[in-house]
């Protein structure tokens, strides 16, 4: 298939681009234009220029492809995100939209759970609905890790800054995170393109509920701090450093199942868990 990938140079998008190419698809990468610069993207057969904030450029880029994988980082502007989705859906290409588990809110959730998005991602509920009604596919990744990137890299950097592991907490019971290795997630995107039913919701979750203290301790080890333990970082204090909306998201406690996704597509995440990856893998020594 001929597949346009938005965000093809980003953390998730670059992994997805590579995996789709490995599966034999012709990948067209959409990148932001830079004056006087010709660009190439690993795994992509072609590079096109456009911006998720420019619906006309999206329509032009997607006019001759079979599938669009929207893996671009959100702009934070709900109206712009909706306009981008409308532009892509108007082309007739099948859209695979990257949402996230934060649309589910706190607590335990499966693929059919009602949405209760936190403010940071409130716009995604409407975009999800539009994509599904048009026959597209929605993927909700957990906290993505691996290849030394993602939110766990931020935790390792904060551990180095503060001299010990820290995790954002709103008080009460220790929160847990659903997580997924970037390479397992890339596998899921390829399966979604090839096998998912129209209107499907897929959960990209390898571990359903990892205690944040364990993640923070592993982040400290990644930062070379040894067994310093982990400390709860009050969300009010973290908000001054990270911003209120992002701090709230990091403090969100969730347990998210991907059982239906695994059964429907035969997806079998098998890479190391987030604690092992932080403590012993790609985050060690700043890699």
C-alpha atoms as a PDB file:
ATOM      1  CA  UNK A   1       0.000   0.000   0.000  1.00  0.00           C
ATOM      2  CA  UNK A   2       0.950   3.625  -0.479  1.00  0.00           C
ATOM      3  CA  UNK A   3       0.919   5.206   2.972  1.00  0.00           C
ATOM      4  CA  UNK A   4       1.359   8.832   3.991  1.00  0.00           C
ATOM      5  CA  UNK A   5       2.851   9.232   7.471  1.00  0.00           C
ATOM      6  CA  UNK A   6       2.374  12.530   9.300  1.00  0.00           C
ATOM      7  CA  UNK A   7       5.079  13.076  11.887  1.00  0.00           C
ATOM      8  CA  UNK A   8       7.445  10.723  10.062  1.00  0.00           C
ATOM      9  CA  UNK A   9      10.524  12.262  11.682  1.00  0.00           C
ATOM     10  CA  UNK A  10       9.070  12.230  15.212  1.00  0.00           C
ATOM     11  CA  UNK A  11       9.473   9.710  18.005  1.00  0.00           C
ATOM     12  CA  UNK A  12       6.505   7.511  17.107  1.00  0.00           C
ATOM     13  CA  UNK A  13       6.309   8.403  13.433  1.00  0.00           C
ATOM     14  CA  UNK A  14       9.905   7.469  12.644  1.00  0.00           C
ATOM     15  CA  UNK A  15       9.464   4.021  14.184  1.00  0.00           C
ATOM     16  CA  UNK A  16       6.199   3.516  12.307  1.00  0.00           C
ATOM     17  CA  UNK A  17       7.748   4.636   9.022  1.00  0.00           C
ATOM     18  CA  UNK A  18      10.546   2.117   9.379  1.00  0.00           C
ATOM     19  CA  UNK A  19       8.212  -0.734  10.270  1.00  0.00           C
ATOM     20  CA  UNK A  20       5.808  -0.039   7.403  1.00  0.00           C
ATOM     21  CA  UNK A  21       8.747  -0.028   4.980  1.00  0.00           C
ATOM     22  CA  UNK A  22       9.919  -3.355   6.402  1.00  0.00           C
ATOM     23  CA  UNK A  23       6.452  -4.729   5.681  1.00  0.00           C
ATOM     24  CA  UNK A  24       6.850  -3.774   2.032  1.00  0.00           C
ATOM     25  CA  UNK A  25       4.656  -0.671   1.952  1.00  0.00           C
ATOM     26  CA  UNK A  26       5.524   2.437  -0.025  1.00  0.00           C
ATOM     27  CA  UNK A  27       5.837   5.119   2.616  1.00  0.00           C
ATOM     28  CA  UNK A  28       5.439   8.808   1.837  1.00  0.00           C
ATOM     29  CA  UNK A  29       6.744  11.015   4.658  1.00  0.00           C
ATOM     30  CA  UNK A  30       5.135  14.370   5.352  1.00  0.00           C
ATOM     31  CA  UNK A  31       7.564  16.890   6.827  1.00  0.00           C
ATOM     32  CA  UNK A  32       7.422  20.594   7.489  1.00  0.00           C
ATOM     33  CA  UNK A  33       8.968  22.676   4.710  1.00  0.00           C
ATOM     34  CA  UNK A  34      12.325  24.288   5.369  1.00  0.00           C
ATOM     35  CA  UNK A  35      13.550  26.897   2.921  1.00  0.00           C
ATOM     36  CA  UNK A  36      16.305  25.670   0.646  1.00  0.00           C
ATOM     37  CA  UNK A  37      16.586  22.265   2.304  1.00  0.00           C
ATOM     38  CA  UNK A  38      16.044  18.925   0.564  1.00  0.00           C
ATOM     39  CA  UNK A  39      15.272  16.211   3.083  1.00  0.00           C
ATOM     40  CA  UNK A  40      15.254  12.442   3.186  1.00  0.00           C
ATOM     41  CA  UNK A  41      13.539  10.276   5.799  1.00  0.00           C
ATOM     42  CA  UNK A  42      14.811   6.765   6.625  1.00  0.00           C
ATOM     43  CA  UNK A  43      12.373   4.170   5.312  1.00  0.00           C
ATOM     44  CA  UNK A  44      10.396   6.620   3.195  1.00  0.00           C
ATOM     45  CA  UNK A  45      10.223   6.239  -0.570  1.00  0.00           C
ATOM     46  CA  UNK A  46       9.188   9.879  -0.970  1.00  0.00           C
ATOM     47  CA  UNK A  47       9.121  13.072   1.064  1.00  0.00           C
ATOM     48  CA  UNK A  48       6.340  15.610   0.762  1.00  0.00           C
ATOM     49  CA  UNK A  49       5.999  18.951   2.476  1.00  0.00           C
ATOM     50  CA  UNK A  50       3.096  20.141   4.576  1.00  0.00           C
ATOM     51  CA  UNK A  51       1.958  20.989   8.074  1.00  0.00           C
ATOM     52  CA  UNK A  52      -0.842  19.691  10.301  1.00  0.00           C
ATOM     53  CA  UNK A  53      -1.764  23.335  10.894  1.00  0.00           C
ATOM     54  CA  UNK A  54      -2.337  23.812   7.140  1.00  0.00           C
ATOM     55  CA  UNK A  55      -5.349  21.710   6.011  1.00  0.00           C
ATOM     56  CA  UNK A  56      -4.793  22.537   2.337  1.00  0.00           C
ATOM     57  CA  UNK A  57      -1.284  21.054   2.461  1.00  0.00           C
ATOM     58  CA  UNK A  58      -2.684  17.879   4.036  1.00  0.00           C
ATOM     59  CA  UNK A  59      -5.304  17.466   1.313  1.00  0.00           C
ATOM     60  CA  UNK A  60      -2.666  17.939  -1.360  1.00  0.00           C
ATOM     61  CA  UNK A  61      -0.253  15.477   0.225  1.00  0.00           C
ATOM     62  CA  UNK A  62      -2.881  12.769   0.781  1.00  0.00           C
ATOM     63  CA  UNK A  63      -4.582  12.978  -2.597  1.00  0.00           C
ATOM     64  CA  UNK A  64      -3.102   9.796  -4.083  1.00  0.00           C
ATOM     65  CA  UNK A  65      -2.447   7.495  -1.101  1.00  0.00           C
ATOM     66  CA  UNK A  66      -4.371   4.521   0.255  1.00  0.00           C
ATOM     67  CA  UNK A  67      -3.811   5.177   3.962  1.00  0.00           C
ATOM     68  CA  UNK A  68      -2.808   8.142   6.109  1.00  0.00           C
ATOM     69  CA  UNK A  69      -1.133   7.455   9.443  1.00  0.00           C
ATOM     70  CA  UNK A  70      -1.500  10.541  11.620  1.00  0.00           C
ATOM     71  CA  UNK A  71       1.397  10.270  14.065  1.00  0.00           C
ATOM     72  CA  UNK A  72       2.263  13.963  14.266  1.00  0.00           C
ATOM     73  CA  UNK A  73       2.591  15.599  17.646  1.00  0.00           C
ATOM     74  CA  UNK A  74      -0.594  17.452  18.610  1.00  0.00           C
ATOM     75  CA  UNK A  75      -0.574  21.198  18.162  1.00  0.00           C
ATOM     76  CA  UNK A  76      -2.522  21.810  21.364  1.00  0.00           C
ATOM     77  CA  UNK A  77      -5.171  23.687  19.381  1.00  0.00           C
ATOM     78  CA  UNK A  78      -8.401  21.666  19.303  1.00  0.00           C
ATOM     79  CA  UNK A  79      -9.855  23.612  16.381  1.00  0.00           C
ATOM     80  CA  UNK A  80      -6.688  23.082  14.337  1.00  0.00           C
ATOM     81  CA  UNK A  81      -6.635  19.368  15.156  1.00  0.00           C
ATOM     82  CA  UNK A  82     -10.251  18.987  14.047  1.00  0.00           C
ATOM     83  CA  UNK A  83      -9.558  20.899  10.834  1.00  0.00           C
ATOM     84  CA  UNK A  84      -6.600  18.638  10.091  1.00  0.00           C
ATOM     85  CA  UNK A  85      -8.722  15.531  10.633  1.00  0.00           C
ATOM     86  CA  UNK A  86     -11.469  16.874   8.376  1.00  0.00           C
ATOM     87  CA  UNK A  87      -8.905  17.607   5.652  1.00  0.00           C
ATOM     88  CA  UNK A  88      -7.494  14.091   5.776  1.00  0.00           C
ATOM     89  CA  UNK A  89     -10.916  12.418   5.881  1.00  0.00           C
ATOM     90  CA  UNK A  90     -12.059  14.436   2.870  1.00  0.00           C
ATOM     91  CA  UNK A  91      -9.431  12.777   0.651  1.00  0.00           C
ATOM     92  CA  UNK A  92     -11.013   9.333   0.811  1.00  0.00           C
ATOM     93  CA  UNK A  93      -7.838   7.730   2.180  1.00  0.00           C
ATOM     94  CA  UNK A  94      -8.240   5.504   5.216  1.00  0.00           C
ATOM     95  CA  UNK A  95      -7.027   7.364   8.296  1.00  0.00           C
ATOM     96  CA  UNK A  96      -5.169   5.721  11.175  1.00  0.00           C
ATOM     97  CA  UNK A  97      -5.243   8.290  13.955  1.00  0.00           C
ATOM     98  CA  UNK A  98      -2.885   8.340  16.938  1.00  0.00           C
ATOM     99  CA  UNK A  99      -4.820   9.271  20.059  1.00  0.00           C
ATOM    100  CA  UNK A 100      -3.720   8.104  23.527  1.00  0.00           C
ATOM    101  CA  UNK A 101      -4.833   6.532  26.778  1.00  0.00           C
ATOM    102  CA  UNK A 102      -5.286   9.923  28.472  1.00  0.00           C
ATOM    103  CA  UNK A 103      -8.660  10.227  26.690  1.00  0.00           C
ATOM    104  CA  UNK A 104      -9.916   7.482  29.020  1.00  0.00           C
ATOM    105  CA  UNK A 105      -9.376   9.363  32.255  1.00  0.00           C
ATOM    106  CA  UNK A 106      -8.405   7.781  35.561  1.00  0.00           C
ATOM    107  CA  UNK A 107      -8.975   4.168  36.536  1.00  0.00           C
ATOM    108  CA  UNK A 108      -9.316   0.886  34.673  1.00  0.00           C
ATOM    109  CA  UNK A 109     -10.395   0.855  31.018  1.00  0.00           C
ATOM    110  CA  UNK A 110     -10.778  -1.443  28.025  1.00  0.00           C
ATOM    111  CA  UNK A 111     -11.277  -0.595  24.357  1.00  0.00           C
ATOM    112  CA  UNK A 112     -15.021  -0.021  24.750  1.00  0.00           C
ATOM    113  CA  UNK A 113     -14.804   2.171  27.871  1.00  0.00           C
ATOM    114  CA  UNK A 114     -16.530   5.572  27.776  1.00  0.00           C
ATOM    115  CA  UNK A 115     -14.216   8.524  27.285  1.00  0.00           C
ATOM    116  CA  UNK A 116     -13.359  10.924  30.094  1.00  0.00           C
ATOM    117  CA  UNK A 117     -10.443  12.920  28.648  1.00  0.00           C
ATOM    118  CA  UNK A 118      -8.279  15.119  30.803  1.00  0.00           C
ATOM    119  CA  UNK A 119      -8.078  18.768  29.658  1.00  0.00           C
ATOM    120  CA  UNK A 120      -4.748  18.354  27.867  1.00  0.00           C
ATOM    121  CA  UNK A 121      -6.299  15.974  25.308  1.00  0.00           C
ATOM    122  CA  UNK A 122      -9.977  16.945  25.440  1.00  0.00           C
ATOM    123  CA  UNK A 123     -10.006  17.662  21.677  1.00  0.00           C
ATOM    124  CA  UNK A 124      -9.172  14.046  20.873  1.00  0.00           C
ATOM    125  CA  UNK A 125     -12.603  12.688  21.795  1.00  0.00           C
ATOM    126  CA  UNK A 126     -14.261  14.490  18.897  1.00  0.00           C
ATOM    127  CA  UNK A 127     -11.452  13.646  16.473  1.00  0.00           C
ATOM    128  CA  UNK A 128     -11.688   9.977  17.427  1.00  0.00           C
ATOM    129  CA  UNK A 129     -15.427  10.030  16.716  1.00  0.00           C
ATOM    130  CA  UNK A 130     -14.970  11.619  13.287  1.00  0.00           C
ATOM    131  CA  UNK A 131     -12.259   9.174  12.288  1.00  0.00           C
ATOM    132  CA  UNK A 132     -14.282   6.146  13.347  1.00  0.00           C
ATOM    133  CA  UNK A 133     -17.466   7.342  11.658  1.00  0.00           C
ATOM    134  CA  UNK A 134     -15.498   7.705   8.418  1.00  0.00           C
ATOM    135  CA  UNK A 135     -14.238   4.126   8.645  1.00  0.00           C
ATOM    136  CA  UNK A 136     -10.800   4.954   9.976  1.00  0.00           C
ATOM    137  CA  UNK A 137      -8.895   3.411  12.874  1.00  0.00           C
ATOM    138  CA  UNK A 138      -7.977   4.914  16.239  1.00  0.00           C
ATOM    139  CA  UNK A 139      -4.864   3.793  18.124  1.00  0.00           C
ATOM    140  CA  UNK A 140      -4.431   4.753  21.778  1.00  0.00           C
ATOM    141  CA  UNK A 141      -0.830   4.168  22.856  1.00  0.00           C
ATOM    142  CA  UNK A 142       0.110   3.932  26.489  1.00  0.00           C
ATOM    143  CA  UNK A 143       3.137   5.821  27.786  1.00  0.00           C
ATOM    144  CA  UNK A 144       5.644   5.118  25.030  1.00  0.00           C
ATOM    145  CA  UNK A 145       9.230   4.216  25.882  1.00  0.00           C
ATOM    146  CA  UNK A 146      12.317   2.724  24.256  1.00  0.00           C
ATOM    147  CA  UNK A 147      15.114   3.932  21.983  1.00  0.00           C
ATOM    148  CA  UNK A 148      16.048   6.338  24.768  1.00  0.00           C
ATOM    149  CA  UNK A 149      13.074   8.625  24.129  1.00  0.00           C
ATOM    150  CA  UNK A 150       9.588   9.563  25.251  1.00  0.00           C
ATOM    151  CA  UNK A 151       8.376  10.593  28.684  1.00  0.00           C
ATOM    152  CA  UNK A 152      10.741   8.169  30.480  1.00  0.00           C
ATOM    153  CA  UNK A 153      13.661  10.184  29.097  1.00  0.00           C
ATOM    154  CA  UNK A 154      12.165  13.218  30.829  1.00  0.00           C
ATOM    155  CA  UNK A 155      11.976  11.267  34.096  1.00  0.00           C
ATOM    156  CA  UNK A 156      15.634  10.300  33.775  1.00  0.00           C
ATOM    157  CA  UNK A 157      16.571  13.932  33.133  1.00  0.00           C
ATOM    158  CA  UNK A 158      14.552  15.069  36.157  1.00  0.00           C
ATOM    159  CA  UNK A 159      16.189  12.385  38.291  1.00  0.00           C
ATOM    160  CA  UNK A 160      19.609  13.703  37.291  1.00  0.00           C
ATOM    161  CA  UNK A 161      18.465  17.263  38.037  1.00  0.00           C
ATOM    162  CA  UNK A 162      17.074  16.465  41.480  1.00  0.00           C
ATOM    163  CA  UNK A 163      19.527  13.750  42.524  1.00  0.00           C
ATOM    164  CA  UNK A 164      16.872  11.044  42.869  1.00  0.00           C
ATOM    165  CA  UNK A 165      13.933   9.515  41.049  1.00  0.00           C
ATOM    166  CA  UNK A 166      10.716  11.531  41.174  1.00  0.00           C
ATOM    167  CA  UNK A 167       7.196  10.870  39.952  1.00  0.00           C
ATOM    168  CA  UNK A 168       4.320  13.321  39.807  1.00  0.00           C
ATOM    169  CA  UNK A 169       1.601  12.529  42.314  1.00  0.00           C
ATOM    170  CA  UNK A 170      -1.721  14.111  43.189  1.00  0.00           C
ATOM    171  CA  UNK A 171      -1.664  12.419  46.597  1.00  0.00           C
ATOM    172  CA  UNK A 172      -3.534   9.362  47.790  1.00  0.00           C
ATOM    173  CA  UNK A 173      -2.855   5.987  46.213  1.00  0.00           C
ATOM    174  CA  UNK A 174       0.301   5.677  44.122  1.00  0.00           C
ATOM    175  CA  UNK A 175      -0.595   6.015  40.432  1.00  0.00           C
ATOM    176  CA  UNK A 176       0.182   3.433  37.766  1.00  0.00           C
ATOM    177  CA  UNK A 177       0.912   3.883  34.070  1.00  0.00           C
ATOM    178  CA  UNK A 178      -0.027   1.725  31.087  1.00  0.00           C
ATOM    179  CA  UNK A 179       3.086   1.534  28.909  1.00  0.00           C
ATOM    180  CA  UNK A 180       4.263   0.292  25.515  1.00  0.00           C
ATOM    181  CA  UNK A 181       7.674  -0.159  23.923  1.00  0.00           C
ATOM    182  CA  UNK A 182       8.107   1.940  20.783  1.00  0.00           C
ATOM    183  CA  UNK A 183       8.970  -1.113  18.678  1.00  0.00           C
ATOM    184  CA  UNK A 184       5.924  -3.057  19.884  1.00  0.00           C
ATOM    185  CA  UNK A 185       3.816  -0.005  19.060  1.00  0.00           C
ATOM    186  CA  UNK A 186       5.295   0.170  15.562  1.00  0.00           C
ATOM    187  CA  UNK A 187       4.263  -3.467  15.091  1.00  0.00           C
ATOM    188  CA  UNK A 188       0.721  -2.541  16.082  1.00  0.00           C
ATOM    189  CA  UNK A 189       0.547   0.283  13.552  1.00  0.00           C
ATOM    190  CA  UNK A 190       1.573  -2.089  10.779  1.00  0.00           C
ATOM    191  CA  UNK A 191      -1.088  -4.589  11.846  1.00  0.00           C
ATOM    192  CA  UNK A 192      -3.676  -1.805  12.036  1.00  0.00           C
ATOM    193  CA  UNK A 193      -2.920  -0.701   8.484  1.00  0.00           C
ATOM    194  CA  UNK A 194      -3.127  -4.246   7.182  1.00  0.00           C
ATOM    195  CA  UNK A 195      -5.811  -5.926   9.258  1.00  0.00           C
ATOM    196  CA  UNK A 196      -7.926  -3.616  11.448  1.00  0.00           C
ATOM    197  CA  UNK A 197     -11.664  -3.324  10.851  1.00  0.00           C
ATOM    198  CA  UNK A 198     -13.175   0.007   9.839  1.00  0.00           C
ATOM    199  CA  UNK A 199     -14.027   2.060  12.920  1.00  0.00           C
ATOM    200  CA  UNK A 200     -11.777   0.006  15.211  1.00  0.00           C
ATOM    201  CA  UNK A 201     -10.326   1.315  18.463  1.00  0.00           C
ATOM    202  CA  UNK A 202      -6.988  -0.279  19.327  1.00  0.00           C
ATOM    203  CA  UNK A 203      -5.098  -0.011  22.600  1.00  0.00           C
ATOM    204  CA  UNK A 204      -1.326   0.060  22.242  1.00  0.00           C
ATOM    205  CA  UNK A 205      -0.492  -1.184  25.735  1.00  0.00           C
ATOM    206  CA  UNK A 206       2.159  -3.754  26.617  1.00  0.00           C
ATOM    207  CA  UNK A 207       2.024  -3.449  30.426  1.00  0.00           C
ATOM    208  CA  UNK A 208      -1.354  -2.481  31.850  1.00  0.00           C
ATOM    209  CA  UNK A 209      -0.376  -0.784  35.117  1.00  0.00           C
ATOM    210  CA  UNK A 210       3.235  -0.121  36.130  1.00  0.00           C
ATOM    211  CA  UNK A 211       3.710   1.542  39.565  1.00  0.00           C
ATOM    212  CA  UNK A 212       5.240   4.971  39.109  1.00  0.00           C
ATOM    213  CA  UNK A 213       7.647   4.546  41.993  1.00  0.00           C
ATOM    214  CA  UNK A 214       9.226   1.620  40.119  1.00  0.00           C
ATOM    215  CA  UNK A 215       9.472   3.711  36.941  1.00  0.00           C
ATOM    216  CA  UNK A 216      11.030   6.624  38.847  1.00  0.00           C
ATOM    217  CA  UNK A 217      13.561   4.363  40.589  1.00  0.00           C
ATOM    218  CA  UNK A 218      14.557   2.899  37.238  1.00  0.00           C
ATOM    219  CA  UNK A 219      14.868   6.425  35.810  1.00  0.00           C
ATOM    220  CA  UNK A 220      17.291   7.237  38.638  1.00  0.00           C
ATOM    221  CA  UNK A 221      19.392   4.207  37.727  1.00  0.00           C
ATOM    222  CA  UNK A 222      19.345   5.326  34.098  1.00  0.00           C
ATOM    223  CA  UNK A 223      20.707   8.666  35.292  1.00  0.00           C
ATOM    224  CA  UNK A 224      23.538   6.882  37.093  1.00  0.00           C
ATOM    225  CA  UNK A 225      22.194   7.516  40.590  1.00  0.00           C
ATOM    226  CA  UNK A 226      22.078   3.919  41.771  1.00  0.00           C
ATOM    227  CA  UNK A 227      19.585   2.800  44.396  1.00  0.00           C
ATOM    228  CA  UNK A 228      18.445   6.212  45.591  1.00  0.00           C
ATOM    229  CA  UNK A 229      14.777   5.264  45.688  1.00  0.00           C
ATOM    230  CA  UNK A 230      11.911   7.390  44.401  1.00  0.00           C
ATOM    231  CA  UNK A 231      10.105  10.408  45.781  1.00  0.00           C
ATOM    232  CA  UNK A 232       6.574  11.603  45.127  1.00  0.00           C
ATOM    233  CA  UNK A 233       6.596  15.002  43.422  1.00  0.00           C
ATOM    234  CA  UNK A 234       3.425  16.910  44.375  1.00  0.00           C
ATOM    235  CA  UNK A 235       1.472  17.841  41.268  1.00  0.00           C
ATOM    236  CA  UNK A 236       1.195  21.452  42.428  1.00  0.00           C
ATOM    237  CA  UNK A 237       4.991  21.717  42.617  1.00  0.00           C
ATOM    238  CA  UNK A 238       5.533  19.845  39.345  1.00  0.00           C
ATOM    239  CA  UNK A 239       3.091  22.214  37.619  1.00  0.00           C
ATOM    240  CA  UNK A 240       5.503  25.082  38.134  1.00  0.00           C
ATOM    241  CA  UNK A 241       8.163  23.167  36.214  1.00  0.00           C
ATOM    242  CA  UNK A 242       6.163  21.211  33.638  1.00  0.00           C
ATOM    243  CA  UNK A 243       2.987  23.262  33.282  1.00  0.00           C
ATOM    244  CA  UNK A 244      -0.321  22.464  35.022  1.00  0.00           C
ATOM    245  CA  UNK A 245      -1.903  20.420  32.219  1.00  0.00           C
ATOM    246  CA  UNK A 246       1.125  18.197  31.618  1.00  0.00           C
ATOM    247  CA  UNK A 247       1.738  17.703  35.332  1.00  0.00           C
ATOM    248  CA  UNK A 248      -1.879  16.601  35.730  1.00  0.00           C
ATOM    249  CA  UNK A 249      -1.423  14.108  32.902  1.00  0.00           C
ATOM    250  CA  UNK A 250       1.709  12.617  34.450  1.00  0.00           C
ATOM    251  CA  UNK A 251      -0.091  12.178  37.776  1.00  0.00           C
ATOM    252  CA  UNK A 252      -2.984  10.304  36.152  1.00  0.00           C
ATOM    253  CA  UNK A 253      -3.355   6.773  37.502  1.00  0.00           C
ATOM    254  CA  UNK A 254      -4.609   4.255  34.943  1.00  0.00           C
ATOM    255  CA  UNK A 255      -4.833   0.523  34.254  1.00  0.00           C
ATOM    256  CA  UNK A 256      -5.624  -0.008  30.569  1.00  0.00           C
ATOM    257  CA  UNK A 257      -6.280  -3.343  28.902  1.00  0.00           C
ATOM    258  CA  UNK A 258      -5.341  -4.203  25.310  1.00  0.00           C
ATOM    259  CA  UNK A 259      -6.805  -7.708  25.413  1.00  0.00           C
ATOM    260  CA  UNK A 260      -9.274  -7.135  22.588  1.00  0.00           C
ATOM    261  CA  UNK A 261      -6.644  -5.487  20.426  1.00  0.00           C
ATOM    262  CA  UNK A 262      -4.276  -8.411  20.891  1.00  0.00           C
ATOM    263  CA  UNK A 263      -6.948 -10.949  20.075  1.00  0.00           C
ATOM    264  CA  UNK A 264      -8.304  -9.073  17.050  1.00  0.00           C
ATOM    265  CA  UNK A 265      -4.947  -8.482  15.355  1.00  0.00           C
ATOM    266  CA  UNK A 266      -2.685 -11.154  16.805  1.00  0.00           C
ATOM    267  CA  UNK A 267      -0.496  -8.459  18.333  1.00  0.00           C
ATOM    268  CA  UNK A 268       2.067  -9.815  20.781  1.00  0.00           C
ATOM    269  CA  UNK A 269       4.187  -7.121  22.482  1.00  0.00           C
ATOM    270  CA  UNK A 270       7.395  -8.771  23.648  1.00  0.00           C
ATOM    271  CA  UNK A 271      10.083  -6.128  24.156  1.00  0.00           C
ATOM    272  CA  UNK A 272      11.484  -5.418  27.648  1.00  0.00           C
ATOM    273  CA  UNK A 273       9.177  -3.653  30.089  1.00  0.00           C
ATOM    274  CA  UNK A 274       9.650   0.013  30.912  1.00  0.00           C
ATOM    275  CA  UNK A 275      11.468  -0.613  34.213  1.00  0.00           C
ATOM    276  CA  UNK A 276      13.972  -2.988  32.591  1.00  0.00           C
ATOM    277  CA  UNK A 277      14.437  -0.696  29.587  1.00  0.00           C
ATOM    278  CA  UNK A 278      15.167   2.299  31.805  1.00  0.00           C
ATOM    279  CA  UNK A 279      17.459   0.475  34.201  1.00  0.00           C
ATOM    280  CA  UNK A 280      19.347  -1.713  31.734  1.00  0.00           C
ATOM    281  CA  UNK A 281      18.545  -0.622  28.173  1.00  0.00           C
ATOM    282  CA  UNK A 282      18.520   2.375  25.867  1.00  0.00           C
ATOM    283  CA  UNK A 283      18.400   5.064  28.592  1.00  0.00           C
ATOM    284  CA  UNK A 284      21.568   4.068  30.401  1.00  0.00           C
ATOM    285  CA  UNK A 285      24.315   6.645  30.308  1.00  0.00           C
ATOM    286  CA  UNK A 286      22.197   9.112  28.346  1.00  0.00           C
ATOM    287  CA  UNK A 287      21.930   6.846  25.310  1.00  0.00           C
END
